PDB file of N, CA and C in Angstrom:
ATOM      1  N   UNK A   1     112.002 113.877  88.321  1.00  0.00           N
ATOM      2  CA  UNK A   1     113.025 112.981  88.814  1.00  0.00           C
ATOM      3  C   UNK A   1     112.586 112.439  90.169  1.00  0.00           C
ATOM      4  N   UNK A   2     112.901 111.180  90.417  1.00  0.00           N
ATOM      5  CA  UNK A   2     112.599 110.535  91.687  1.00  0.00           C
ATOM      6  C   UNK A   2     113.871 109.870  92.225  1.00  0.00           C
ATOM      7  N   UNK A   3     113.938 109.748  93.545  1.00  0.00           N
ATOM      8  CA  UNK A   3     115.051 109.067  94.208  1.00  0.00           C
ATOM      9  C   UNK A   3     114.501 107.861  94.955  1.00  0.00           C
ATOM     10  N   UNK A   4     115.206 106.760  94.853  1.00  0.00           N
ATOM     11  CA  UNK A   4     114.798 105.518  95.500  1.00  0.00           C
ATOM     12  C   UNK A   4     115.913 105.092  96.448  1.00  0.00           C
ATOM     13  N   UNK A   5     115.538 104.828  97.689  1.00  0.00           N
ATOM     14  CA  UNK A   5     116.510 104.435  98.706  1.00  0.00           C
ATOM     15  C   UNK A   5     116.495 102.929  98.895  1.00  0.00           C
ATOM     16  N   UNK A   6     117.640 102.438  99.353  1.00  0.00           N
ATOM     17  CA  UNK A   6     117.743 101.037  99.692  1.00  0.00           C
ATOM     18  C   UNK A   6     118.952 100.787 100.565  1.00  0.00           C
ATOM     19  N   UNK A   7     118.952  99.647 101.233  1.00  0.00           N
ATOM     20  CA  UNK A   7     120.087  99.258 102.070  1.00  0.00           C
ATOM     21  C   UNK A   7     120.090  97.748 102.248  1.00  0.00           C
ATOM     22  N   UNK A   8     121.269  97.228 102.519  1.00  0.00           N
ATOM     23  CA  UNK A   8     121.460  95.798 102.744  1.00  0.00           C
ATOM     24  C   UNK A   8     122.688  95.626 103.635  1.00  0.00           C
ATOM     25  N   UNK A   9     122.738  94.559 104.380  1.00  0.00           N
ATOM     26  CA  UNK A   9     123.913  94.271 105.197  1.00  0.00           C
ATOM     27  C   UNK A   9     124.666  93.079 104.621  1.00  0.00           C
ATOM     28  N   UNK A  10     125.941  93.001 104.984  1.00  0.00           N
ATOM     29  CA  UNK A  10     126.773  91.857 104.610  1.00  0.00           C
ATOM     30  C   UNK A  10     127.334  91.246 105.887  1.00  0.00           C
ATOM     31  N   UNK A  11     127.713  89.982 105.818  1.00  0.00           N
ATOM     32  CA  UNK A  11     128.245  89.323 107.012  1.00  0.00           C
ATOM     33  C   UNK A  11     129.756  89.484 107.140  1.00  0.00           C
ATOM     34  N   UNK A  12     130.437  89.685 105.999  1.00  0.00           N
ATOM     35  CA  UNK A  12     131.900  89.798 106.018  1.00  0.00           C
ATOM     36  C   UNK A  12     132.359  90.925 105.100  1.00  0.00           C
ATOM     37  N   UNK A  13     133.487  91.509 105.449  1.00  0.00           N
ATOM     38  CA  UNK A  13     134.100  92.550 104.634  1.00  0.00           C
ATOM     39  C   UNK A  13     134.982  91.903 103.570  1.00  0.00           C
ATOM     40  N   UNK A  14     134.333  91.286 102.580  1.00  0.00           N
ATOM     41  CA  UNK A  14     135.074  90.688 101.471  1.00  0.00           C
ATOM     42  C   UNK A  14     134.524  91.235 100.161  1.00  0.00           C
ATOM     43  N   UNK A  15     135.368  91.196  99.155  1.00  0.00           N
ATOM     44  CA  UNK A  15     134.957  91.657  97.830  1.00  0.00           C
ATOM     45  C   UNK A  15     133.722  90.893  97.365  1.00  0.00           C
ATOM     46  N   UNK A  16     133.736  89.583  97.542  1.00  0.00           N
ATOM     47  CA  UNK A  16     132.632  88.745  97.078  1.00  0.00           C
ATOM     48  C   UNK A  16     131.316  89.097  97.778  1.00  0.00           C
ATOM     49  N   UNK A  17     131.364  89.250  99.099  1.00  0.00           N
ATOM     50  CA  UNK A  17     130.147  89.578  99.865  1.00  0.00           C
ATOM     51  C   UNK A  17     129.596  90.945  99.476  1.00  0.00           C
ATOM     52  N   UNK A  18     130.472  91.924  99.372  1.00  0.00           N
ATOM     53  CA  UNK A  18     130.031  93.290  99.058  1.00  0.00           C
ATOM     54  C   UNK A  18     129.435  93.351  97.658  1.00  0.00           C
ATOM     55  N   UNK A  19     130.090  92.717  96.694  1.00  0.00           N
ATOM     56  CA  UNK A  19     129.571  92.744  95.321  1.00  0.00           C
ATOM     57  C   UNK A  19     128.266  91.965  95.202  1.00  0.00           C
ATOM     58  N   UNK A  20     128.171  90.824  95.866  1.00  0.00           N
ATOM     59  CA  UNK A  20     126.932  90.038  95.814  1.00  0.00           C
ATOM     60  C   UNK A  20     125.777  90.813  96.441  1.00  0.00           C
ATOM     61  N   UNK A  21     126.019  91.444  97.573  1.00  0.00           N
ATOM     62  CA  UNK A  21     124.963  92.210  98.243  1.00  0.00           C
ATOM     63  C   UNK A  21     124.572  93.441  97.431  1.00  0.00           C
ATOM     64  N   UNK A  22     125.547  94.116  96.859  1.00  0.00           N
ATOM     65  CA  UNK A  22     125.259  95.293  96.038  1.00  0.00           C
ATOM     66  C   UNK A  22     124.425  94.908  94.823  1.00  0.00           C
ATOM     67  N   UNK A  23     124.771  93.796  94.202  1.00  0.00           N
ATOM     68  CA  UNK A  23     124.013  93.303  93.053  1.00  0.00           C
ATOM     69  C   UNK A  23     122.589  92.941  93.466  1.00  0.00           C
ATOM     70  N   UNK A  24     122.450  92.218  94.568  1.00  0.00           N
ATOM     71  CA  UNK A  24     121.121  91.829  95.053  1.00  0.00           C
ATOM     72  C   UNK A  24     120.250  93.062  95.313  1.00  0.00           C
ATOM     73  N   UNK A  25     120.817  94.055  95.970  1.00  0.00           N
ATOM     74  CA  UNK A  25     120.066  95.267  96.294  1.00  0.00           C
ATOM     75  C   UNK A  25     119.660  96.025  95.033  1.00  0.00           C
ATOM     76  N   UNK A  26     120.607  96.227  94.127  1.00  0.00           N
ATOM     77  CA  UNK A  26     120.282  96.944  92.890  1.00  0.00           C
ATOM     78  C   UNK A  26     119.241  96.200  92.061  1.00  0.00           C
ATOM     79  N   UNK A  27     119.403  94.895  91.919  1.00  0.00           N
ATOM     80  CA  UNK A  27     118.433  94.118  91.136  1.00  0.00           C
ATOM     81  C   UNK A  27     117.041  94.222  91.739  1.00  0.00           C
ATOM     82  N   UNK A  28     116.957  94.172  93.057  1.00  0.00           N
ATOM     83  CA  UNK A  28     115.659  94.263  93.729  1.00  0.00           C
ATOM     84  C   UNK A  28     115.028  95.641  93.516  1.00  0.00           C
ATOM     85  N   UNK A  29     115.818  96.696  93.603  1.00  0.00           N
ATOM     86  CA  UNK A  29     115.301  98.053  93.378  1.00  0.00           C
ATOM     87  C   UNK A  29     114.835  98.213  91.938  1.00  0.00           C
ATOM     88  N   UNK A  30     115.663  97.776  90.986  1.00  0.00           N
ATOM     89  CA  UNK A  30     115.306  97.901  89.570  1.00  0.00           C
ATOM     90  C   UNK A  30     114.046  97.106  89.254  1.00  0.00           C
ATOM     91  N   UNK A  31     113.948  95.897  89.798  1.00  0.00           N
ATOM     92  CA  UNK A  31     112.791  95.039  89.550  1.00  0.00           C
ATOM     93  C   UNK A  31     111.528  95.580  90.226  1.00  0.00           C
ATOM     94  N   UNK A  32     111.626  95.927  91.497  1.00  0.00           N
ATOM     95  CA  UNK A  32     110.450  96.393  92.248  1.00  0.00           C
ATOM     96  C   UNK A  32     109.850  97.661  91.651  1.00  0.00           C
ATOM     97  N   UNK A  33     110.709  98.486  91.046  1.00  0.00           N
ATOM     98  CA  UNK A  33     110.248  99.759  90.483  1.00  0.00           C
ATOM     99  C   UNK A  33     110.148  99.735  88.959  1.00  0.00           C
ATOM    100  N   UNK A  34     110.400  98.554  88.376  1.00  0.00           N
ATOM    101  CA  UNK A  34     110.322  98.384  86.919  1.00  0.00           C
ATOM    102  C   UNK A  34     111.113  99.477  86.187  1.00  0.00           C
ATOM    103  N   UNK A  35     112.363  99.642  86.607  1.00  0.00           N
ATOM    104  CA  UNK A  35     113.227 100.693  86.063  1.00  0.00           C
ATOM    105  C   UNK A  35     113.928 100.192  84.808  1.00  0.00           C
ATOM    106  N   UNK A  36     113.843 100.993  83.760  1.00  0.00           N
ATOM    107  CA  UNK A  36     114.574 100.716  82.526  1.00  0.00           C
ATOM    108  C   UNK A  36     115.919 101.439  82.613  1.00  0.00           C
ATOM    109  N   UNK A  37     116.942 100.868  81.987  1.00  0.00           N
ATOM    110  CA  UNK A  37     118.276 101.474  82.043  1.00  0.00           C
ATOM    111  C   UNK A  37     118.277 102.930  81.600  1.00  0.00           C
ATOM    112  N   UNK A  38     117.472 103.256  80.602  1.00  0.00           N
ATOM    113  CA  UNK A  38     117.467 104.636  80.099  1.00  0.00           C
ATOM    114  C   UNK A  38     116.842 105.619  81.087  1.00  0.00           C
ATOM    115  N   UNK A  39     116.153 105.130  82.113  1.00  0.00           N
ATOM    116  CA  UNK A  39     115.583 105.997  83.144  1.00  0.00           C
ATOM    117  C   UNK A  39     116.597 106.355  84.230  1.00  0.00           C
ATOM    118  N   UNK A  40     117.679 105.600  84.322  1.00  0.00           N
ATOM    119  CA  UNK A  40     118.666 105.828  85.377  1.00  0.00           C
ATOM    120  C   UNK A  40     119.427 107.128  85.141  1.00  0.00           C
ATOM    121  N   UNK A  41     119.440 107.987  86.147  1.00  0.00           N
ATOM    122  CA  UNK A  41     120.159 109.264  86.077  1.00  0.00           C
ATOM    123  C   UNK A  41     121.523 109.112  86.739  1.00  0.00           C
ATOM    124  N   UNK A  42     121.559 108.610  87.963  1.00  0.00           N
ATOM    125  CA  UNK A  42     122.800 108.369  88.693  1.00  0.00           C
ATOM    126  C   UNK A  42     122.505 107.499  89.906  1.00  0.00           C
ATOM    127  N   UNK A  43     123.571 106.940  90.468  1.00  0.00           N
ATOM    128  CA  UNK A  43     123.436 106.097  91.658  1.00  0.00           C
ATOM    129  C   UNK A  43     124.539 106.469  92.643  1.00  0.00           C
ATOM    130  N   UNK A  44     124.139 106.699  93.889  1.00  0.00           N
ATOM    131  CA  UNK A  44     125.094 106.985  94.960  1.00  0.00           C
ATOM    132  C   UNK A  44     125.069 105.822  95.943  1.00  0.00           C
ATOM    133  N   UNK A  45     126.251 105.334  96.270  1.00  0.00           N
ATOM    134  CA  UNK A  45     126.408 104.262  97.247  1.00  0.00           C
ATOM    135  C   UNK A  45     127.112 104.802  98.482  1.00  0.00           C
ATOM    136  N   UNK A  46     126.753 104.268  99.651  1.00  0.00           N
ATOM    137  CA  UNK A  46     127.557 104.502 100.847  1.00  0.00           C
ATOM    138  C   UNK A  46     127.825 103.153 101.491  1.00  0.00           C
ATOM    139  N   UNK A  47     128.931 103.092 102.213  1.00  0.00           N
ATOM    140  CA  UNK A  47     129.290 101.887 102.955  1.00  0.00           C
ATOM    141  C   UNK A  47     129.754 102.310 104.341  1.00  0.00           C
ATOM    142  N   UNK A  48     129.395 101.526 105.337  1.00  0.00           N
ATOM    143  CA  UNK A  48     129.865 101.821 106.684  1.00  0.00           C
ATOM    144  C   UNK A  48     131.386 101.658 106.729  1.00  0.00           C
ATOM    145  N   UNK A  49     131.998 102.249 107.744  1.00  0.00           N
ATOM    146  CA  UNK A  49     133.462 102.291 107.815  1.00  0.00           C
ATOM    147  C   UNK A  49     134.109 100.913 107.924  1.00  0.00           C
ATOM    148  N   UNK A  50     133.334  99.890 108.274  1.00  0.00           N
ATOM    149  CA  UNK A  50     133.886  98.540 108.390  1.00  0.00           C
ATOM    150  C   UNK A  50     133.856  97.767 107.072  1.00  0.00           C
ATOM    151  N   UNK A  51     133.433  98.421 105.995  1.00  0.00           N
ATOM    152  CA  UNK A  51     133.412  97.791 104.666  1.00  0.00           C
ATOM    153  C   UNK A  51     134.343  98.562 103.736  1.00  0.00           C
ATOM    154  N   UNK A  52     135.465  97.937 103.392  1.00  0.00           N
ATOM    155  CA  UNK A  52     136.437  98.619 102.536  1.00  0.00           C
ATOM    156  C   UNK A  52     137.147  97.680 101.560  1.00  0.00           C
ATOM    157  N   UNK A  53     136.584  96.499 101.327  1.00  0.00           N
ATOM    158  CA  UNK A  53     137.237  95.515 100.459  1.00  0.00           C
ATOM    159  C   UNK A  53     137.081  95.839  98.974  1.00  0.00           C
ATOM    160  N   UNK A  54     136.022  96.571  98.621  1.00  0.00           N
ATOM    161  CA  UNK A  54     135.763  96.912  97.221  1.00  0.00           C
ATOM    162  C   UNK A  54     134.715  98.019  97.183  1.00  0.00           C
ATOM    163  N   UNK A  55     134.733  98.797  96.121  1.00  0.00           N
ATOM    164  CA  UNK A  55     133.683  99.798  95.922  1.00  0.00           C
ATOM    165  C   UNK A  55     132.387  99.088  95.533  1.00  0.00           C
ATOM    166  N   UNK A  56     131.266  99.390  96.178  1.00  0.00           N
ATOM    167  CA  UNK A  56     130.007  98.743  95.786  1.00  0.00           C
ATOM    168  C   UNK A  56     129.580  99.088  94.358  1.00  0.00           C
ATOM    169  N   UNK A  57     130.037 100.206  93.836  1.00  0.00           N
ATOM    170  CA  UNK A  57     129.681 100.595  92.469  1.00  0.00           C
ATOM    171  C   UNK A  57     130.216  99.618  91.425  1.00  0.00           C
ATOM    172  N   UNK A  58     131.233  98.862  91.775  1.00  0.00           N
ATOM    173  CA  UNK A  58     131.764  97.852  90.850  1.00  0.00           C
ATOM    174  C   UNK A  58     130.652  96.884  90.451  1.00  0.00           C
ATOM    175  N   UNK A  59     129.770  96.558  91.381  1.00  0.00           N
ATOM    176  CA  UNK A  59     128.657  95.646  91.078  1.00  0.00           C
ATOM    177  C   UNK A  59     127.760  96.223  89.991  1.00  0.00           C
ATOM    178  N   UNK A  60     127.495  97.519  90.054  1.00  0.00           N
ATOM    179  CA  UNK A  60     126.658  98.160  89.031  1.00  0.00           C
ATOM    180  C   UNK A  60     127.330  98.078  87.667  1.00  0.00           C
ATOM    181  N   UNK A  61     128.627  98.309  87.625  1.00  0.00           N
ATOM    182  CA  UNK A  61     129.356  98.201  86.359  1.00  0.00           C
ATOM    183  C   UNK A  61     129.276  96.771  85.828  1.00  0.00           C
ATOM    184  N   UNK A  62     129.434  95.808  86.722  1.00  0.00           N
ATOM    185  CA  UNK A  62     129.370  94.402  86.307  1.00  0.00           C
ATOM    186  C   UNK A  62     127.975  94.008  85.836  1.00  0.00           C
ATOM    187  N   UNK A  63     126.960  94.752  86.261  1.00  0.00           N
ATOM    188  CA  UNK A  63     125.581  94.513  85.809  1.00  0.00           C
ATOM    189  C   UNK A  63     125.318  95.170  84.453  1.00  0.00           C
ATOM    190  N   UNK A  64     126.304  95.878  83.912  1.00  0.00           N
ATOM    191  CA  UNK A  64     126.145  96.528  82.626  1.00  0.00           C
ATOM    192  C   UNK A  64     125.706  97.978  82.706  1.00  0.00           C
ATOM    193  N   UNK A  65     125.701  98.549  83.893  1.00  0.00           N
ATOM    194  CA  UNK A  65     125.293  99.951  84.050  1.00  0.00           C
ATOM    195  C   UNK A  65     126.499 100.868  83.851  1.00  0.00           C
ATOM    196  N   UNK A  66     127.165 100.710  82.713  1.00  0.00           N
ATOM    197  CA  UNK A  66     128.405 101.438  82.455  1.00  0.00           C
ATOM    198  C   UNK A  66     128.199 102.862  81.947  1.00  0.00           C
ATOM    199  N   UNK A  67     126.977 103.247  81.631  1.00  0.00           N
ATOM    200  CA  UNK A  67     126.689 104.614  81.173  1.00  0.00           C
ATOM    201  C   UNK A  67     126.103 105.481  82.290  1.00  0.00           C
ATOM    202  N   UNK A  68     125.842 104.882  83.448  1.00  0.00           N
ATOM    203  CA  UNK A  68     125.215 105.583  84.568  1.00  0.00           C
ATOM    204  C   UNK A  68     126.305 106.148  85.482  1.00  0.00           C
ATOM    205  N   UNK A  69     126.263 107.447  85.798  1.00  0.00           N
ATOM    206  CA  UNK A  69     127.231 107.994  86.750  1.00  0.00           C
ATOM    207  C   UNK A  69     127.046 107.348  88.127  1.00  0.00           C
ATOM    208  N   UNK A  70     128.151 106.873  88.695  1.00  0.00           N
ATOM    209  CA  UNK A  70     128.134 106.196  89.989  1.00  0.00           C
ATOM    210  C   UNK A  70     129.122 106.886  90.926  1.00  0.00           C
ATOM    211  N   UNK A  71     128.790 106.904  92.206  1.00  0.00           N
ATOM    212  CA  UNK A  71     129.672 107.521  93.189  1.00  0.00           C
ATOM    213  C   UNK A  71     129.554 106.769  94.506  1.00  0.00           C
ATOM    214  N   UNK A  72     130.689 106.571  95.177  1.00  0.00           N
ATOM    215  CA  UNK A  72     130.705 105.880  96.469  1.00  0.00           C
ATOM    216  C   UNK A  72     131.225 106.823  97.550  1.00  0.00           C
ATOM    217  N   UNK A  73     130.581 106.756  98.701  1.00  0.00           N
ATOM    218  CA  UNK A  73     130.984 107.529  99.873  1.00  0.00           C
ATOM    219  C   UNK A  73     131.070 106.603 101.074  1.00  0.00           C
ATOM    220  N   UNK A  74     131.823 107.055 102.078  1.00  0.00           N
ATOM    221  CA  UNK A  74     131.824 106.348 103.355  1.00  0.00           C
ATOM    222  C   UNK A  74     130.705 106.917 104.208  1.00  0.00           C
ATOM    223  N   UNK A  75     129.899 106.031 104.771  1.00  0.00           N
ATOM    224  CA  UNK A  75     128.794 106.438 105.641  1.00  0.00           C
ATOM    225  C   UNK A  75     129.354 107.053 106.921  1.00  0.00           C
ATOM    226  N   UNK A  76     128.684 108.050 107.429  1.00  0.00           N
ATOM    227  CA  UNK A  76     129.077 108.673 108.686  1.00  0.00           C
ATOM    228  C   UNK A  76     129.072 107.636 109.809  1.00  0.00           C
ATOM    229  N   UNK A  77     130.108 107.651 110.634  1.00  0.00           N
ATOM    230  CA  UNK A  77     130.197 106.698 111.751  1.00  0.00           C
ATOM    231  C   UNK A  77     129.410 107.270 112.929  1.00  0.00           C
ATOM    232  N   UNK A  78     128.377 106.539 113.339  1.00  0.00           N
ATOM    233  CA  UNK A  78     127.519 106.955 114.447  1.00  0.00           C
ATOM    234  C   UNK A  78     127.476 105.822 115.467  1.00  0.00           C
ATOM    235  N   UNK A  79     127.673 106.151 116.713  1.00  0.00           N
ATOM    236  CA  UNK A  79     127.654 105.149 117.770  1.00  0.00           C
ATOM    237  C   UNK A  79     126.318 104.404 117.776  1.00  0.00           C
ATOM    238  N   UNK A  80     126.396 103.082 117.778  1.00  0.00           N
ATOM    239  CA  UNK A  80     125.202 102.246 117.820  1.00  0.00           C
ATOM    240  C   UNK A  80     124.532 102.022 116.477  1.00  0.00           C
ATOM    241  N   UNK A  81     125.100 102.572 115.415  1.00  0.00           N
ATOM    242  CA  UNK A  81     124.497 102.415 114.087  1.00  0.00           C
ATOM    243  C   UNK A  81     124.699 100.990 113.565  1.00  0.00           C
ATOM    244  N   UNK A  82     123.880 100.623 112.608  1.00  0.00           N
ATOM    245  CA  UNK A  82     123.962  99.315 111.972  1.00  0.00           C
ATOM    246  C   UNK A  82     125.334  99.139 111.320  1.00  0.00           C
ATOM    247  N   UNK A  83     125.970  98.008 111.566  1.00  0.00           N
ATOM    248  CA  UNK A  83     127.296  97.732 111.018  1.00  0.00           C
ATOM    249  C   UNK A  83     127.206  96.955 109.710  1.00  0.00           C
ATOM    250  N   UNK A  84     128.302  96.994 108.970  1.00  0.00           N
ATOM    251  CA  UNK A  84     128.429  96.272 107.700  1.00  0.00           C
ATOM    252  C   UNK A  84     127.211  96.502 106.810  1.00  0.00           C
ATOM    253  N   UNK A  85     126.925  97.754 106.588  1.00  0.00           N
ATOM    254  CA  UNK A  85     125.724  98.133 105.842  1.00  0.00           C
ATOM    255  C   UNK A  85     126.078  98.932 104.589  1.00  0.00           C
ATOM    256  N   UNK A  86     125.481  98.539 103.492  1.00  0.00           N
ATOM    257  CA  UNK A  86     125.580  99.262 102.227  1.00  0.00           C
ATOM    258  C   UNK A  86     124.261  99.982 102.002  1.00  0.00           C
ATOM    259  N   UNK A  87     124.357 101.248 101.620  1.00  0.00           N
ATOM    260  CA  UNK A  87     123.155 102.020 101.317  1.00  0.00           C
ATOM    261  C   UNK A  87     123.274 102.543  99.891  1.00  0.00           C
ATOM    262  N   UNK A  88     122.132 102.789  99.282  1.00  0.00           N
ATOM    263  CA  UNK A  88     122.132 103.280  97.911  1.00  0.00           C
ATOM    264  C   UNK A  88     120.999 104.277  97.734  1.00  0.00           C
ATOM    265  N   UNK A  89     121.235 105.245  96.859  1.00  0.00           N
ATOM    266  CA  UNK A  89     120.172 106.138  96.413  1.00  0.00           C
ATOM    267  C   UNK A  89     120.235 106.145  94.885  1.00  0.00           C
ATOM    268  N   UNK A  90     119.161 105.672  94.285  1.00  0.00           N
ATOM    269  CA  UNK A  90     119.068 105.566  92.827  1.00  0.00           C
ATOM    270  C   UNK A  90     118.180 106.703  92.330  1.00  0.00           C
ATOM    271  N   UNK A  91     118.727 107.534  91.459  1.00  0.00           N
ATOM    272  CA  UNK A  91     117.968 108.638  90.878  1.00  0.00           C
ATOM    273  C   UNK A  91     117.461 108.217  89.501  1.00  0.00           C
ATOM    274  N   UNK A  92     116.151 108.383  89.289  1.00  0.00           N
ATOM    275  CA  UNK A  92     115.566 108.012  88.001  1.00  0.00           C
ATOM    276  C   UNK A  92     114.821 109.194  87.393  1.00  0.00           C
ATOM    277  N   UNK A  93     114.761 109.205  86.081  1.00  0.00           N
ATOM    278  CA  UNK A  93     114.027 110.225  85.340  1.00  0.00           C
ATOM    279  C   UNK A  93     112.615 109.703  85.108  1.00  0.00           C
ATOM    280  N   UNK A  94     111.744 110.027  86.063  1.00  0.00           N
ATOM    281  CA  UNK A  94     110.364 109.552  85.996  1.00  0.00           C
ATOM    282  C   UNK A  94     109.482 110.502  86.791  1.00  0.00           C
ATOM    283  N   UNK A  95     108.296 110.751  86.278  1.00  0.00           N
ATOM    284  CA  UNK A  95     107.335 111.603  86.979  1.00  0.00           C
ATOM    285  C   UNK A  95     106.258 110.730  87.602  1.00  0.00           C
ATOM    286  N   UNK A  96     106.656 109.910  88.535  1.00  0.00           N
ATOM    287  CA  UNK A  96     105.718 109.006  89.211  1.00  0.00           C
ATOM    288  C   UNK A  96     105.311 109.610  90.543  1.00  0.00           C
ATOM    289  N   UNK A  97     104.086 109.344  90.974  1.00  0.00           N
ATOM    290  CA  UNK A  97     103.697 109.779  92.324  1.00  0.00           C
ATOM    291  C   UNK A  97     104.610 109.114  93.361  1.00  0.00           C
ATOM    292  N   UNK A  98     104.894 109.821  94.426  1.00  0.00           N
ATOM    293  CA  UNK A  98     105.771 109.278  95.469  1.00  0.00           C
ATOM    294  C   UNK A  98     105.277 107.943  96.001  1.00  0.00           C
ATOM    295  N   UNK A  99     103.971 107.760  96.031  1.00  0.00           N
ATOM    296  CA  UNK A  99     103.397 106.519  96.552  1.00  0.00           C
ATOM    297  C   UNK A  99     103.762 105.307  95.703  1.00  0.00           C
ATOM    298  N   UNK A 100     104.132 105.526  94.452  1.00  0.00           N
ATOM    299  CA  UNK A 100     104.481 104.417  93.561  1.00  0.00           C
ATOM    300  C   UNK A 100     105.932 103.968  93.715  1.00  0.00           C
ATOM    301  N   UNK A 101     106.751 104.779  94.351  1.00  0.00           N
ATOM    302  CA  UNK A 101     108.164 104.444  94.521  1.00  0.00           C
ATOM    303  C   UNK A 101     108.304 103.392  95.617  1.00  0.00           C
ATOM    304  N   UNK A 102     109.078 102.346  95.307  1.00  0.00           N
ATOM    305  CA  UNK A 102     109.285 101.259  96.264  1.00  0.00           C
ATOM    306  C   UNK A 102     110.743 101.268  96.728  1.00  0.00           C
ATOM    307  N   UNK A 103     110.953 101.687  97.959  1.00  0.00           N
ATOM    308  CA  UNK A 103     112.276 101.653  98.572  1.00  0.00           C
ATOM    309  C   UNK A 103     112.515 100.232  99.062  1.00  0.00           C
ATOM    310  N   UNK A 104     113.772  99.796  99.059  1.00  0.00           N
ATOM    311  CA  UNK A 104     114.075  98.393  99.343  1.00  0.00           C
ATOM    312  C   UNK A 104     115.116  98.286 100.458  1.00  0.00           C
ATOM    313  N   UNK A 105     114.747  97.601 101.521  1.00  0.00           N
ATOM    314  CA  UNK A 105     115.647  97.348 102.644  1.00  0.00           C
ATOM    315  C   UNK A 105     115.695  95.846 102.873  1.00  0.00           C
ATOM    316  N   UNK A 106     116.901  95.273 102.822  1.00  0.00           N
ATOM    317  CA  UNK A 106     117.076  93.826 102.887  1.00  0.00           C
ATOM    318  C   UNK A 106     117.957  93.405 104.059  1.00  0.00           C
ATOM    319  N   UNK A 107     117.800  92.172 104.452  1.00  0.00           N
ATOM    320  CA  UNK A 107     118.556  91.559 105.552  1.00  0.00           C
ATOM    321  C   UNK A 107     118.387  92.385 106.827  1.00  0.00           C
ATOM    322  N   UNK A 108     119.466  92.648 107.536  1.00  0.00           N
ATOM    323  CA  UNK A 108     119.375  93.399 108.794  1.00  0.00           C
ATOM    324  C   UNK A 108     119.019  94.869 108.572  1.00  0.00           C
ATOM    325  N   UNK A 109     119.159  95.342 107.352  1.00  0.00           N
ATOM    326  CA  UNK A 109     118.855  96.750 107.055  1.00  0.00           C
ATOM    327  C   UNK A 109     117.367  97.060 107.158  1.00  0.00           C
ATOM    328  N   UNK A 110     116.526  96.051 107.262  1.00  0.00           N
ATOM    329  CA  UNK A 110     115.090  96.321 107.434  1.00  0.00           C
ATOM    330  C   UNK A 110     114.846  97.116 108.710  1.00  0.00           C
ATOM    331  N   UNK A 111     115.771  97.025 109.660  1.00  0.00           N
ATOM    332  CA  UNK A 111     115.640  97.790 110.907  1.00  0.00           C
ATOM    333  C   UNK A 111     115.723  99.294 110.670  1.00  0.00           C
ATOM    334  N   UNK A 112     116.344  99.701 109.576  1.00  0.00           N
ATOM    335  CA  UNK A 112     116.484 101.130 109.291  1.00  0.00           C
ATOM    336  C   UNK A 112     115.149 101.780 108.958  1.00  0.00           C
ATOM    337  N   UNK A 113     114.309 101.066 108.235  1.00  0.00           N
ATOM    338  CA  UNK A 113     113.005 101.595 107.816  1.00  0.00           C
ATOM    339  C   UNK A 113     111.968 100.485 107.830  1.00  0.00           C
ATOM    340  N   UNK A 114     111.568 100.029 109.006  1.00  0.00           N
ATOM    341  CA  UNK A 114     110.587  98.936 109.062  1.00  0.00           C
ATOM    342  C   UNK A 114     109.257  99.304 108.420  1.00  0.00           C
ATOM    343  N   UNK A 115     108.935 100.573 108.392  1.00  0.00           N
ATOM    344  CA  UNK A 115     107.689 101.002 107.750  1.00  0.00           C
ATOM    345  C   UNK A 115     107.701 100.702 106.256  1.00  0.00           C
ATOM    346  N   UNK A 116     108.829 100.899 105.624  1.00  0.00           N
ATOM    347  CA  UNK A 116     108.941 100.619 104.191  1.00  0.00           C
ATOM    348  C   UNK A 116     109.101  99.130 103.935  1.00  0.00           C
ATOM    349  N   UNK A 117     109.790  98.453 104.816  1.00  0.00           N
ATOM    350  CA  UNK A 117     110.006  97.013 104.659  1.00  0.00           C
ATOM    351  C   UNK A 117     108.678  96.270 104.654  1.00  0.00           C
ATOM    352  N   UNK A 118     107.795  96.611 105.548  1.00  0.00           N
ATOM    353  CA  UNK A 118     106.494  95.946 105.632  1.00  0.00           C
ATOM    354  C   UNK A 118     105.736  96.099 104.320  1.00  0.00           C
ATOM    355  N   UNK A 119     105.718  97.295 103.773  1.00  0.00           N
ATOM    356  CA  UNK A 119     105.016  97.530 102.506  1.00  0.00           C
ATOM    357  C   UNK A 119     105.647  96.739 101.370  1.00  0.00           C
ATOM    358  N   UNK A 120     106.970  96.734 101.287  1.00  0.00           N
ATOM    359  CA  UNK A 120     107.641  96.002 100.220  1.00  0.00           C
ATOM    360  C   UNK A 120     107.392  94.507 100.336  1.00  0.00           C
ATOM    361  N   UNK A 121     107.480  93.959 101.533  1.00  0.00           N
ATOM    362  CA  UNK A 121     107.274  92.524 101.711  1.00  0.00           C
ATOM    363  C   UNK A 121     105.853  92.121 101.360  1.00  0.00           C
ATOM    364  N   UNK A 122     104.883  92.922 101.725  1.00  0.00           N
ATOM    365  CA  UNK A 122     103.489  92.613 101.412  1.00  0.00           C
ATOM    366  C   UNK A 122     103.301  92.535  99.902  1.00  0.00           C
ATOM    367  N   UNK A 123     103.872  93.493  99.179  1.00  0.00           N
ATOM    368  CA  UNK A 123     103.718  93.506  97.723  1.00  0.00           C
ATOM    369  C   UNK A 123     104.462  92.346  97.081  1.00  0.00           C
ATOM    370  N   UNK A 124     105.609  91.948  97.622  1.00  0.00           N
ATOM    371  CA  UNK A 124     106.362  90.838  97.050  1.00  0.00           C
ATOM    372  C   UNK A 124     105.622  89.520  97.218  1.00  0.00           C
ATOM    373  N   UNK A 125     104.872  89.379  98.301  1.00  0.00           N
ATOM    374  CA  UNK A 125     104.146  88.129  98.552  1.00  0.00           C
ATOM    375  C   UNK A 125     102.924  87.994  97.654  1.00  0.00           C
ATOM    376  N   UNK A 126     102.374  89.087  97.194  1.00  0.00           N
ATOM    377  CA  UNK A 126     101.132  89.033  96.399  1.00  0.00           C
ATOM    378  C   UNK A 126     101.391  88.609  94.973  1.00  0.00           C
TER     379      UNK A 126
END
């Protein structure tokens, strides 16, 4: 089993923004890692305390991931932390080397893991 991390920010606390960003993040993770639906074990979402218009997991359901266990949590509030941020951890049933896993950080969330962002962007450009 492998876990894939990702994060994205939204500009507004609206249902539309949260669902669009959640969809964008999930699609990018699934595409970058060539994940098949049958490989998905579960997905955990977190949202910062300033995002409460909708559960981000709704986006996964709308994408057709209705057989995958999903769970949403509120991210711990830390002074100076990135605001309006959605995070995800996707668990897959795969025995891949860790080096093959592509974590995805989008928009302002690239600040969370610039080391991973650089690698992902380089591969996307090629």
